[in-house]
Amino acid sequence: MLVPRSACLALVFLLAGSSSARAGTPQDPQVKPPSAPAPGGQAPVRVFIDCVNASCDSEFFRTDISFVDHVRDRKDADVHVLITAESTGGGGQKYTVNVIGLRAYSGVDHL
């Protein structure tokens, strides 16, 4: 089961809320860097998306969230986005998105 688009859009808004960014280059050669620099002329935030028990559409994240640099290694990221899913008693799914700050954002895990 894929993560609902509403959860993906919530992730977009969470990532868009970061007002500053840290310099860096993309680690994935298949992903093109954003065409425009982030506000303030700084490089985009480097994000590692980690899906646990959830089928995430990583291609959707990489194409629709283009204002960040997606990295494949958590050690290279400024922000670790942890998405988990679990079944509910009513037969549905509960998704949880945790945003964990790393490097310059260490200790920042809220908006």
N, C-alpha and C. Protein backbone atom coordinates (compact mmCIF):
# COMPACT_ATOMS: atom_id res chain seq x y z
N MET A 1 0.85 -1.18 0.00
CA MET A 1 0.00 0.00 0.00
C MET A 1 0.89 1.24 0.00
N LEU A 2 0.57 2.19 -0.82
CA LEU A 2 1.35 3.42 -0.93
C LEU A 2 0.90 4.43 0.11
N VAL A 3 1.79 5.32 0.48
CA VAL A 3 1.46 6.41 1.40
C VAL A 3 0.48 7.33 0.69
N PRO A 4 -0.62 7.73 1.35
CA PRO A 4 -1.60 8.60 0.71
C PRO A 4 -0.98 9.94 0.30
N ARG A 5 -1.51 10.51 -0.77
CA ARG A 5 -1.01 11.80 -1.27
C ARG A 5 -1.13 12.88 -0.20
N SER A 6 -2.16 12.80 0.66
CA SER A 6 -2.30 13.82 1.71
C SER A 6 -1.12 13.78 2.67
N ALA A 7 -0.61 12.59 2.97
CA ALA A 7 0.57 12.48 3.83
C ALA A 7 1.80 13.04 3.12
N CYS A 8 1.88 12.81 1.82
CA CYS A 8 3.00 13.34 1.04
C CYS A 8 2.95 14.86 1.00
N LEU A 9 1.75 15.41 0.84
CA LEU A 9 1.62 16.87 0.82
C LEU A 9 1.98 17.46 2.18
N ALA A 10 1.61 16.76 3.26
CA ALA A 10 1.99 17.23 4.60
C ALA A 10 3.51 17.27 4.72
N LEU A 11 4.17 16.28 4.16
CA LEU A 11 5.64 16.25 4.17
C LEU A 11 6.20 17.43 3.40
N VAL A 12 5.58 17.76 2.27
CA VAL A 12 6.03 18.90 1.48
C VAL A 12 5.96 20.17 2.31
N PHE A 13 4.85 20.37 3.02
CA PHE A 13 4.70 21.58 3.83
C PHE A 13 5.69 21.60 5.00
N LEU A 14 5.98 20.44 5.58
CA LEU A 14 6.96 20.38 6.66
C LEU A 14 8.34 20.80 6.15
N LEU A 15 8.70 20.29 5.00
CA LEU A 15 10.02 20.61 4.46
C LEU A 15 10.09 22.04 3.96
N ALA A 16 8.98 22.55 3.45
CA ALA A 16 8.97 23.94 2.98
C ALA A 16 9.09 24.92 4.14
N GLY A 17 8.74 24.48 5.33
CA GLY A 17 8.79 25.35 6.50
C GLY A 17 10.18 25.66 6.98
N SER A 18 11.17 24.92 6.53
CA SER A 18 12.52 25.23 7.00
C SER A 18 12.99 26.51 6.33
N SER A 19 13.37 27.47 7.14
CA SER A 19 13.69 28.79 6.61
C SER A 19 15.15 28.93 6.20
N SER A 20 16.01 28.07 6.69
CA SER A 20 17.41 28.18 6.29
C SER A 20 17.86 26.84 5.74
N ALA A 21 18.94 26.86 5.00
CA ALA A 21 19.44 25.63 4.40
C ALA A 21 20.95 25.59 4.56
N ARG A 22 21.49 24.43 4.34
CA ARG A 22 22.92 24.22 4.49
C ARG A 22 23.50 23.85 3.13
N ALA A 23 24.73 24.26 2.88
CA ALA A 23 25.37 24.00 1.59
C ALA A 23 25.59 22.51 1.39
N GLY A 24 25.52 22.05 0.14
CA GLY A 24 25.76 20.66 -0.17
C GLY A 24 25.42 20.36 -1.61
N THR A 25 25.79 19.16 -2.03
CA THR A 25 25.49 18.73 -3.38
C THR A 25 24.68 17.45 -3.31
N PRO A 26 23.89 17.16 -4.33
CA PRO A 26 23.10 15.93 -4.31
C PRO A 26 24.00 14.70 -4.36
N GLN A 27 23.62 13.65 -3.68
CA GLN A 27 24.40 12.43 -3.67
C GLN A 27 23.93 11.45 -4.74
N ASP A 28 22.72 11.63 -5.27
CA ASP A 28 22.17 10.72 -6.25
C ASP A 28 22.35 11.30 -7.64
N PRO A 29 23.17 10.69 -8.49
CA PRO A 29 23.42 11.28 -9.80
C PRO A 29 22.19 11.28 -10.70
N GLN A 30 21.18 10.46 -10.40
CA GLN A 30 19.97 10.42 -11.21
C GLN A 30 19.03 11.58 -10.89
N VAL A 31 19.19 12.20 -9.76
CA VAL A 31 18.31 13.29 -9.35
C VAL A 31 18.97 14.60 -9.69
N LYS A 32 18.28 15.42 -10.48
CA LYS A 32 18.83 16.72 -10.85
C LYS A 32 18.65 17.69 -9.70
N PRO A 33 19.63 18.56 -9.45
CA PRO A 33 19.46 19.56 -8.40
C PRO A 33 18.37 20.54 -8.80
N PRO A 34 17.73 21.18 -7.82
CA PRO A 34 16.70 22.16 -8.14
C PRO A 34 17.27 23.25 -9.03
N SER A 35 16.44 23.75 -9.95
CA SER A 35 16.91 24.75 -10.90
C SER A 35 17.15 26.10 -10.25
N ALA A 36 16.39 26.43 -9.23
CA ALA A 36 16.55 27.72 -8.57
C ALA A 36 17.11 27.50 -7.17
N PRO A 37 17.98 28.38 -6.69
CA PRO A 37 18.49 28.24 -5.33
C PRO A 37 17.39 28.48 -4.31
N ALA A 38 17.61 27.98 -3.12
CA ALA A 38 16.65 28.17 -2.03
C ALA A 38 16.61 29.64 -1.65
N PRO A 39 15.55 30.07 -0.96
CA PRO A 39 15.48 31.47 -0.53
C PRO A 39 16.74 31.86 0.25
N GLY A 40 17.22 33.06 0.00
CA GLY A 40 18.42 33.53 0.67
C GLY A 40 19.68 33.15 -0.09
N GLY A 41 19.55 32.49 -1.25
CA GLY A 41 20.71 32.13 -2.05
C GLY A 41 21.49 30.95 -1.51
N GLN A 42 20.97 30.26 -0.51
CA GLN A 42 21.68 29.12 0.07
C GLN A 42 21.28 27.84 -0.65
N ALA A 43 22.08 26.81 -0.48
CA ALA A 43 21.79 25.51 -1.08
C ALA A 43 20.59 24.88 -0.38
N PRO A 44 19.86 24.03 -1.09
CA PRO A 44 18.69 23.37 -0.50
C PRO A 44 19.07 22.43 0.64
N VAL A 45 18.11 22.14 1.49
CA VAL A 45 18.29 21.20 2.60
C VAL A 45 18.45 19.80 2.02
N ARG A 46 19.37 19.03 2.59
CA ARG A 46 19.60 17.66 2.16
C ARG A 46 18.75 16.73 3.01
N VAL A 47 17.88 15.95 2.37
CA VAL A 47 16.86 15.17 3.07
C VAL A 47 17.03 13.67 2.78
N PHE A 48 16.96 12.88 3.86
CA PHE A 48 16.94 11.42 3.75
C PHE A 48 15.55 10.96 4.16
N ILE A 49 14.82 10.31 3.25
CA ILE A 49 13.47 9.83 3.55
C ILE A 49 13.56 8.34 3.83
N ASP A 50 13.07 7.95 5.02
CA ASP A 50 13.17 6.59 5.52
C ASP A 50 11.76 6.06 5.78
N CYS A 51 11.33 5.06 5.01
CA CYS A 51 9.99 4.49 5.18
C CYS A 51 10.10 3.15 5.91
N VAL A 52 9.38 3.04 7.03
CA VAL A 52 9.37 1.82 7.82
C VAL A 52 7.94 1.29 7.83
N ASN A 53 7.74 0.06 7.42
CA ASN A 53 6.41 -0.56 7.37
C ASN A 53 5.45 0.22 6.48
N ALA A 54 5.94 1.04 5.59
CA ALA A 54 5.10 1.81 4.68
C ALA A 54 5.70 1.71 3.29
N SER A 55 4.85 1.54 2.31
CA SER A 55 5.31 1.53 0.93
C SER A 55 5.29 2.95 0.41
N CYS A 56 6.44 3.57 0.37
CA CYS A 56 6.53 4.96 -0.07
C CYS A 56 6.83 5.02 -1.56
N ASP A 57 6.25 5.97 -2.21
CA ASP A 57 6.50 6.21 -3.63
C ASP A 57 7.67 7.18 -3.72
N SER A 58 8.89 6.64 -3.68
CA SER A 58 10.07 7.49 -3.65
C SER A 58 10.20 8.34 -4.91
N GLU A 59 9.72 7.84 -6.03
CA GLU A 59 9.76 8.62 -7.26
C GLU A 59 8.89 9.87 -7.13
N PHE A 60 7.74 9.73 -6.48
CA PHE A 60 6.86 10.89 -6.23
C PHE A 60 7.58 11.92 -5.36
N PHE A 61 8.24 11.46 -4.30
CA PHE A 61 8.97 12.38 -3.43
C PHE A 61 10.04 13.14 -4.22
N ARG A 62 10.79 12.42 -5.02
CA ARG A 62 11.91 13.04 -5.75
C ARG A 62 11.45 14.00 -6.83
N THR A 63 10.31 13.73 -7.46
CA THR A 63 9.85 14.62 -8.53
C THR A 63 9.01 15.78 -8.01
N ASP A 64 8.18 15.54 -7.01
CA ASP A 64 7.27 16.59 -6.54
C ASP A 64 7.84 17.43 -5.41
N ILE A 65 8.86 16.95 -4.74
CA ILE A 65 9.52 17.74 -3.69
C ILE A 65 10.91 18.07 -4.24
N SER A 66 10.94 19.01 -5.17
CA SER A 66 12.19 19.30 -5.89
C SER A 66 13.01 20.43 -5.27
N PHE A 67 12.50 21.05 -4.21
CA PHE A 67 13.22 22.17 -3.60
C PHE A 67 14.18 21.72 -2.52
N VAL A 68 14.36 20.40 -2.35
CA VAL A 68 15.36 19.85 -1.43
C VAL A 68 16.26 18.91 -2.22
N ASP A 69 17.43 18.62 -1.67
CA ASP A 69 18.31 17.61 -2.25
C ASP A 69 18.02 16.29 -1.54
N HIS A 70 17.65 15.27 -2.30
CA HIS A 70 17.39 13.95 -1.74
C HIS A 70 18.70 13.18 -1.71
N VAL A 71 19.03 12.60 -0.57
CA VAL A 71 20.25 11.80 -0.43
C VAL A 71 19.88 10.38 -0.06
N ARG A 72 20.77 9.45 -0.37
CA ARG A 72 20.51 8.04 -0.10
C ARG A 72 21.14 7.55 1.21
N ASP A 73 22.01 8.35 1.79
CA ASP A 73 22.70 7.96 3.03
C ASP A 73 22.33 8.95 4.13
N ARG A 74 21.88 8.42 5.26
CA ARG A 74 21.46 9.27 6.38
C ARG A 74 22.60 10.17 6.86
N LYS A 75 23.83 9.68 6.77
CA LYS A 75 24.98 10.45 7.24
C LYS A 75 25.21 11.72 6.42
N ASP A 76 24.71 11.76 5.19
CA ASP A 76 24.88 12.93 4.32
C ASP A 76 23.74 13.93 4.45
N ALA A 77 22.71 13.60 5.23
CA ALA A 77 21.50 14.42 5.28
C ALA A 77 21.56 15.49 6.36
N ASP A 78 20.80 16.57 6.12
CA ASP A 78 20.56 17.60 7.13
C ASP A 78 19.28 17.29 7.90
N VAL A 79 18.35 16.60 7.24
CA VAL A 79 17.06 16.26 7.84
C VAL A 79 16.75 14.80 7.51
N HIS A 80 16.36 14.05 8.54
CA HIS A 80 15.94 12.65 8.38
C HIS A 80 14.43 12.62 8.56
N VAL A 81 13.70 12.21 7.52
CA VAL A 81 12.24 12.11 7.58
C VAL A 81 11.91 10.63 7.73
N LEU A 82 11.34 10.26 8.88
CA LEU A 82 11.00 8.88 9.18
C LEU A 82 9.49 8.71 9.05
N ILE A 83 9.06 7.85 8.12
CA ILE A 83 7.64 7.60 7.89
C ILE A 83 7.35 6.17 8.31
N THR A 84 6.41 6.00 9.25
CA THR A 84 6.03 4.67 9.70
C THR A 84 4.54 4.48 9.46
N ALA A 85 4.13 3.22 9.35
CA ALA A 85 2.73 2.89 9.15
C ALA A 85 2.38 1.69 10.02
N GLU A 86 1.15 1.67 10.49
CA GLU A 86 0.66 0.52 11.24
C GLU A 86 -0.83 0.37 10.99
N SER A 87 -1.32 -0.85 11.11
CA SER A 87 -2.74 -1.11 10.91
C SER A 87 -3.53 -0.64 12.11
N THR A 88 -4.74 -0.16 11.84
CA THR A 88 -5.63 0.27 12.92
C THR A 88 -6.68 -0.81 13.16
N GLY A 89 -7.39 -0.70 14.27
CA GLY A 89 -8.42 -1.67 14.61
C GLY A 89 -9.57 -1.70 13.63
N GLY A 90 -9.82 -0.58 12.98
CA GLY A 90 -10.93 -0.49 12.03
C GLY A 90 -10.57 -0.94 10.63
N GLY A 91 -9.36 -1.45 10.44
CA GLY A 91 -8.95 -1.94 9.13
C GLY A 91 -8.21 -0.92 8.29
N GLY A 92 -7.96 0.25 8.82
CA GLY A 92 -7.24 1.28 8.08
C GLY A 92 -5.76 1.28 8.39
N GLN A 93 -5.11 2.35 8.01
CA GLN A 93 -3.69 2.53 8.25
C GLN A 93 -3.46 3.84 8.99
N LYS A 94 -2.51 3.83 9.91
CA LYS A 94 -2.10 5.04 10.61
C LYS A 94 -0.66 5.33 10.19
N TYR A 95 -0.45 6.53 9.65
CA TYR A 95 0.88 6.94 9.22
C TYR A 95 1.42 7.99 10.18
N THR A 96 2.69 7.87 10.51
CA THR A 96 3.36 8.84 11.37
C THR A 96 4.59 9.36 10.62
N VAL A 97 4.72 10.69 10.60
CA VAL A 97 5.87 11.31 9.96
C VAL A 97 6.67 12.04 11.03
N ASN A 98 7.91 11.60 11.26
CA ASN A 98 8.81 12.25 12.21
C ASN A 98 9.91 12.95 11.43
N VAL A 99 10.13 14.22 11.74
CA VAL A 99 11.20 14.99 11.11
C VAL A 99 12.31 15.15 12.14
N ILE A 100 13.49 14.61 11.83
CA ILE A 100 14.61 14.60 12.77
C ILE A 100 15.73 15.46 12.19
N GLY A 101 16.11 16.48 12.92
CA GLY A 101 17.19 17.36 12.47
C GLY A 101 18.55 16.75 12.70
N LEU A 102 19.42 16.87 11.72
CA LEU A 102 20.79 16.38 11.80
C LEU A 102 21.74 17.53 11.49
N ARG A 103 23.01 17.35 11.77
CA ARG A 103 24.04 18.35 11.49
C ARG A 103 23.65 19.71 12.07
N ALA A 104 23.50 20.72 11.22
CA ALA A 104 23.16 22.07 11.69
C ALA A 104 21.78 22.12 12.33
N TYR A 105 20.92 21.15 12.00
CA TYR A 105 19.56 21.10 12.54
C TYR A 105 19.45 20.12 13.71
N SER A 106 20.57 19.66 14.24
CA SER A 106 20.57 18.70 15.33
C SER A 106 19.76 19.23 16.51
N GLY A 107 18.86 18.39 17.00
CA GLY A 107 18.01 18.78 18.12
C GLY A 107 16.74 19.48 17.70
N VAL A 108 16.61 19.82 16.42
CA VAL A 108 15.40 20.47 15.93
C VAL A 108 14.51 19.39 15.34
N ASP A 109 13.41 19.10 16.02
CA ASP A 109 12.49 18.07 15.54
C ASP A 109 11.04 18.54 15.57
N HIS A 110 10.86 19.84 15.52
CA HIS A 110 9.51 20.41 15.52
C HIS A 110 9.51 21.67 14.67
N LEU A 111 8.34 22.15 14.34
CA LEU A 111 8.23 23.38 13.54
C LEU A 111 8.15 24.58 14.43
